[in-house]
Amino acid sequence: MARIFLVDDHDVVRDGIAAIVDRSESDEVVGSQASLSGLDEALLSAKADILLLDISLRKGTSLDAIKALKDRHPSLRIIILSMHA
């Protein structure tokens, strides 16, 4: 079972992805939030395996945070979500 954490600044996107994952028997959403603020602690407490991360957040890009996230959570798999080509 994959434990998935969602970060997207649009509620409808987070809710929609969570609804899709909820239909899966093998995966579960263990947390979600709208920004990178407090993400390290949230990932630790949720014991997430996968982070679905929006590339464009209201307070800037998440690209700068990826290396730091991988350094602090080496086993975490990160999937970037984007509406940009």
N, C-alpha and C. Protein backbone atom coordinates (compact mmCIF):
# COMPACT_ATOMS: atom_id res chain seq x y z
N MET A 1 0.84 -1.18 0.00
CA MET A 1 0.00 0.00 0.00
C MET A 1 0.88 1.24 0.00
N ALA A 2 0.61 2.16 -0.92
CA ALA A 2 1.32 3.43 -0.98
C ALA A 2 0.60 4.45 -0.12
N ARG A 3 1.38 5.17 0.66
CA ARG A 3 0.85 6.24 1.51
C ARG A 3 1.18 7.56 0.82
N ILE A 4 0.15 8.28 0.39
CA ILE A 4 0.31 9.45 -0.47
C ILE A 4 -0.02 10.73 0.28
N PHE A 5 0.85 11.72 0.12
CA PHE A 5 0.62 13.05 0.70
C PHE A 5 0.48 14.03 -0.46
N LEU A 6 -0.52 14.91 -0.40
CA LEU A 6 -0.82 15.84 -1.48
C LEU A 6 -0.49 17.27 -1.07
N VAL A 7 0.18 18.01 -1.97
CA VAL A 7 0.39 19.44 -1.77
C VAL A 7 -0.03 20.15 -3.05
N ASP A 8 -1.11 20.90 -2.96
CA ASP A 8 -1.62 21.71 -4.06
C ASP A 8 -2.39 22.86 -3.45
N ASP A 9 -2.26 24.03 -4.03
CA ASP A 9 -2.92 25.20 -3.45
C ASP A 9 -4.38 25.35 -3.88
N HIS A 10 -4.89 24.40 -4.64
CA HIS A 10 -6.29 24.41 -5.04
C HIS A 10 -7.03 23.27 -4.34
N ASP A 11 -8.01 23.64 -3.53
CA ASP A 11 -8.78 22.63 -2.79
C ASP A 11 -9.41 21.60 -3.72
N VAL A 12 -9.94 22.06 -4.84
CA VAL A 12 -10.64 21.15 -5.74
C VAL A 12 -9.69 20.10 -6.31
N VAL A 13 -8.45 20.46 -6.55
CA VAL A 13 -7.46 19.51 -7.05
C VAL A 13 -7.12 18.49 -5.98
N ARG A 14 -6.83 18.98 -4.77
CA ARG A 14 -6.52 18.05 -3.67
C ARG A 14 -7.69 17.11 -3.41
N ASP A 15 -8.90 17.66 -3.35
CA ASP A 15 -10.08 16.84 -3.09
C ASP A 15 -10.32 15.83 -4.21
N GLY A 16 -10.11 16.25 -5.46
CA GLY A 16 -10.31 15.36 -6.60
C GLY A 16 -9.33 14.21 -6.61
N ILE A 17 -8.06 14.52 -6.37
CA ILE A 17 -7.05 13.45 -6.33
C ILE A 17 -7.32 12.51 -5.17
N ALA A 18 -7.68 13.07 -4.03
CA ALA A 18 -8.00 12.23 -2.86
C ALA A 18 -9.16 11.30 -3.17
N ALA A 19 -10.17 11.79 -3.88
CA ALA A 19 -11.33 10.95 -4.23
C ALA A 19 -10.92 9.81 -5.15
N ILE A 20 -10.04 10.10 -6.10
CA ILE A 20 -9.56 9.05 -7.00
C ILE A 20 -8.75 8.01 -6.23
N VAL A 21 -7.85 8.47 -5.38
CA VAL A 21 -7.02 7.53 -4.60
C VAL A 21 -7.88 6.71 -3.66
N ASP A 22 -8.92 7.32 -3.09
CA ASP A 22 -9.80 6.61 -2.16
C ASP A 22 -10.48 5.41 -2.81
N ARG A 23 -10.65 5.45 -4.12
CA ARG A 23 -11.25 4.31 -4.84
C ARG A 23 -10.28 3.14 -4.97
N SER A 24 -9.01 3.40 -4.77
CA SER A 24 -7.99 2.37 -4.89
C SER A 24 -7.96 1.51 -3.62
N GLU A 25 -7.80 0.24 -3.80
CA GLU A 25 -7.68 -0.65 -2.64
C GLU A 25 -6.24 -0.75 -2.15
N SER A 26 -5.30 -0.24 -2.98
CA SER A 26 -3.90 -0.42 -2.63
C SER A 26 -3.19 0.86 -2.19
N ASP A 27 -3.87 2.01 -2.28
CA ASP A 27 -3.24 3.27 -1.91
C ASP A 27 -4.14 4.07 -0.99
N GLU A 28 -3.53 5.00 -0.24
CA GLU A 28 -4.34 5.86 0.62
C GLU A 28 -3.69 7.23 0.74
N VAL A 29 -4.52 8.25 0.85
CA VAL A 29 -4.05 9.61 1.11
C VAL A 29 -3.90 9.74 2.63
N VAL A 30 -2.68 10.08 3.04
CA VAL A 30 -2.41 10.18 4.48
C VAL A 30 -2.30 11.63 4.95
N GLY A 31 -2.43 12.56 4.01
CA GLY A 31 -2.40 13.96 4.39
C GLY A 31 -2.42 14.85 3.17
N SER A 32 -2.79 16.09 3.40
CA SER A 32 -2.77 17.07 2.32
C SER A 32 -2.70 18.46 2.91
N GLN A 33 -2.16 19.37 2.10
CA GLN A 33 -2.10 20.76 2.52
C GLN A 33 -1.92 21.64 1.29
N ALA A 34 -2.10 22.95 1.49
CA ALA A 34 -2.09 23.90 0.39
C ALA A 34 -0.74 24.56 0.14
N SER A 35 0.22 24.37 1.03
CA SER A 35 1.51 25.03 0.88
C SER A 35 2.63 24.15 1.41
N LEU A 36 3.86 24.64 1.25
CA LEU A 36 5.03 23.90 1.74
C LEU A 36 5.26 24.13 3.23
N SER A 37 4.58 25.09 3.80
CA SER A 37 4.76 25.43 5.20
C SER A 37 4.45 24.22 6.10
N GLY A 38 5.43 23.82 6.91
CA GLY A 38 5.24 22.70 7.82
C GLY A 38 5.23 21.34 7.17
N LEU A 39 5.64 21.27 5.90
CA LEU A 39 5.57 20.00 5.18
C LEU A 39 6.48 18.93 5.76
N ASP A 40 7.68 19.28 6.19
CA ASP A 40 8.60 18.28 6.76
C ASP A 40 7.96 17.53 7.92
N GLU A 41 7.38 18.27 8.84
CA GLU A 41 6.76 17.64 10.01
C GLU A 41 5.55 16.80 9.59
N ALA A 42 4.77 17.33 8.65
CA ALA A 42 3.58 16.61 8.19
C ALA A 42 3.95 15.30 7.52
N LEU A 43 5.02 15.31 6.70
CA LEU A 43 5.46 14.08 6.04
C LEU A 43 5.93 13.04 7.05
N LEU A 44 6.63 13.50 8.07
CA LEU A 44 7.11 12.58 9.11
C LEU A 44 5.95 11.96 9.88
N SER A 45 5.00 12.76 10.29
CA SER A 45 3.90 12.22 11.08
C SER A 45 2.97 11.36 10.23
N ALA A 46 2.86 11.67 8.93
CA ALA A 46 1.98 10.88 8.05
C ALA A 46 2.66 9.61 7.55
N LYS A 47 3.98 9.56 7.69
CA LYS A 47 4.76 8.41 7.18
C LYS A 47 4.47 8.16 5.70
N ALA A 48 4.52 9.24 4.93
CA ALA A 48 4.19 9.18 3.51
C ALA A 48 5.29 8.49 2.72
N ASP A 49 4.88 7.73 1.70
CA ASP A 49 5.81 7.10 0.74
C ASP A 49 5.96 7.96 -0.50
N ILE A 50 4.86 8.62 -0.89
CA ILE A 50 4.81 9.39 -2.13
C ILE A 50 4.28 10.79 -1.83
N LEU A 51 4.92 11.77 -2.43
CA LEU A 51 4.46 13.16 -2.34
C LEU A 51 4.02 13.59 -3.73
N LEU A 52 2.75 13.95 -3.87
CA LEU A 52 2.25 14.56 -5.11
C LEU A 52 2.32 16.05 -4.88
N LEU A 53 3.19 16.73 -5.61
CA LEU A 53 3.54 18.12 -5.33
C LEU A 53 3.25 19.00 -6.53
N ASP A 54 2.41 20.01 -6.33
CA ASP A 54 2.13 20.99 -7.37
C ASP A 54 3.38 21.84 -7.60
N ILE A 55 3.74 22.02 -8.86
CA ILE A 55 4.95 22.79 -9.18
C ILE A 55 4.76 24.29 -8.91
N SER A 56 3.54 24.78 -9.09
CA SER A 56 3.25 26.21 -8.92
C SER A 56 2.31 26.41 -7.74
N LEU A 57 2.87 26.95 -6.68
CA LEU A 57 2.06 27.26 -5.51
C LEU A 57 1.90 28.77 -5.41
N ARG A 58 0.94 29.23 -4.65
CA ARG A 58 0.65 30.67 -4.56
C ARG A 58 1.86 31.48 -4.11
N LYS A 59 2.69 30.91 -3.29
CA LYS A 59 3.86 31.64 -2.79
C LYS A 59 5.14 31.25 -3.53
N GLY A 60 5.01 30.87 -4.81
CA GLY A 60 6.19 30.56 -5.61
C GLY A 60 6.23 29.12 -6.09
N THR A 61 7.37 28.74 -6.58
CA THR A 61 7.55 27.41 -7.14
C THR A 61 8.00 26.42 -6.08
N SER A 62 7.63 25.18 -6.27
CA SER A 62 8.06 24.13 -5.34
C SER A 62 9.37 23.50 -5.78
N LEU A 63 9.87 23.86 -6.96
CA LEU A 63 11.10 23.25 -7.47
C LEU A 63 12.28 23.45 -6.52
N ASP A 64 12.36 24.62 -5.91
CA ASP A 64 13.45 24.90 -4.99
C ASP A 64 13.42 24.00 -3.76
N ALA A 65 12.26 23.51 -3.39
CA ALA A 65 12.12 22.71 -2.18
C ALA A 65 12.44 21.23 -2.41
N ILE A 66 12.46 20.78 -3.64
CA ILE A 66 12.59 19.35 -3.91
C ILE A 66 13.90 18.76 -3.39
N LYS A 67 15.03 19.42 -3.66
CA LYS A 67 16.30 18.88 -3.19
C LYS A 67 16.33 18.78 -1.67
N ALA A 68 15.87 19.81 -1.00
CA ALA A 68 15.85 19.79 0.47
C ALA A 68 14.94 18.68 0.98
N LEU A 69 13.79 18.51 0.33
CA LEU A 69 12.87 17.43 0.74
C LEU A 69 13.53 16.07 0.57
N LYS A 70 14.22 15.86 -0.56
CA LYS A 70 14.88 14.57 -0.80
C LYS A 70 16.02 14.35 0.19
N ASP A 71 16.74 15.42 0.54
CA ASP A 71 17.82 15.30 1.53
C ASP A 71 17.27 14.88 2.88
N ARG A 72 16.13 15.44 3.28
CA ARG A 72 15.56 15.14 4.60
C ARG A 72 14.71 13.88 4.61
N HIS A 73 14.19 13.48 3.44
CA HIS A 73 13.33 12.30 3.32
C HIS A 73 13.81 11.46 2.14
N PRO A 74 14.96 10.79 2.27
CA PRO A 74 15.58 10.13 1.12
C PRO A 74 14.73 9.03 0.47
N SER A 75 13.88 8.39 1.20
CA SER A 75 13.07 7.31 0.60
C SER A 75 11.76 7.82 -0.01
N LEU A 76 11.46 9.10 0.17
CA LEU A 76 10.24 9.69 -0.34
C LEU A 76 10.30 9.80 -1.87
N ARG A 77 9.26 9.31 -2.53
CA ARG A 77 9.14 9.48 -3.98
C ARG A 77 8.30 10.72 -4.21
N ILE A 78 8.78 11.59 -5.11
CA ILE A 78 8.09 12.85 -5.38
C ILE A 78 7.60 12.85 -6.82
N ILE A 79 6.32 13.12 -6.98
CA ILE A 79 5.71 13.26 -8.30
C ILE A 79 5.25 14.71 -8.42
N ILE A 80 5.72 15.39 -9.45
CA ILE A 80 5.39 16.79 -9.67
C ILE A 80 4.12 16.88 -10.52
N LEU A 81 3.20 17.71 -10.07
CA LEU A 81 1.98 18.00 -10.83
C LEU A 81 2.13 19.38 -11.44
N SER A 82 1.71 19.54 -12.71
CA SER A 82 1.81 20.83 -13.36
C SER A 82 0.73 21.00 -14.40
N MET A 83 0.27 22.23 -14.55
CA MET A 83 -0.64 22.57 -15.64
C MET A 83 0.14 23.18 -16.79
N HIS A 84 1.44 23.40 -16.60
CA HIS A 84 2.30 24.03 -17.60
C HIS A 84 2.83 22.99 -18.57
N ALA A 85 3.00 23.42 -19.83
CA ALA A 85 3.60 22.54 -20.83
C ALA A 85 5.04 22.38 -20.47
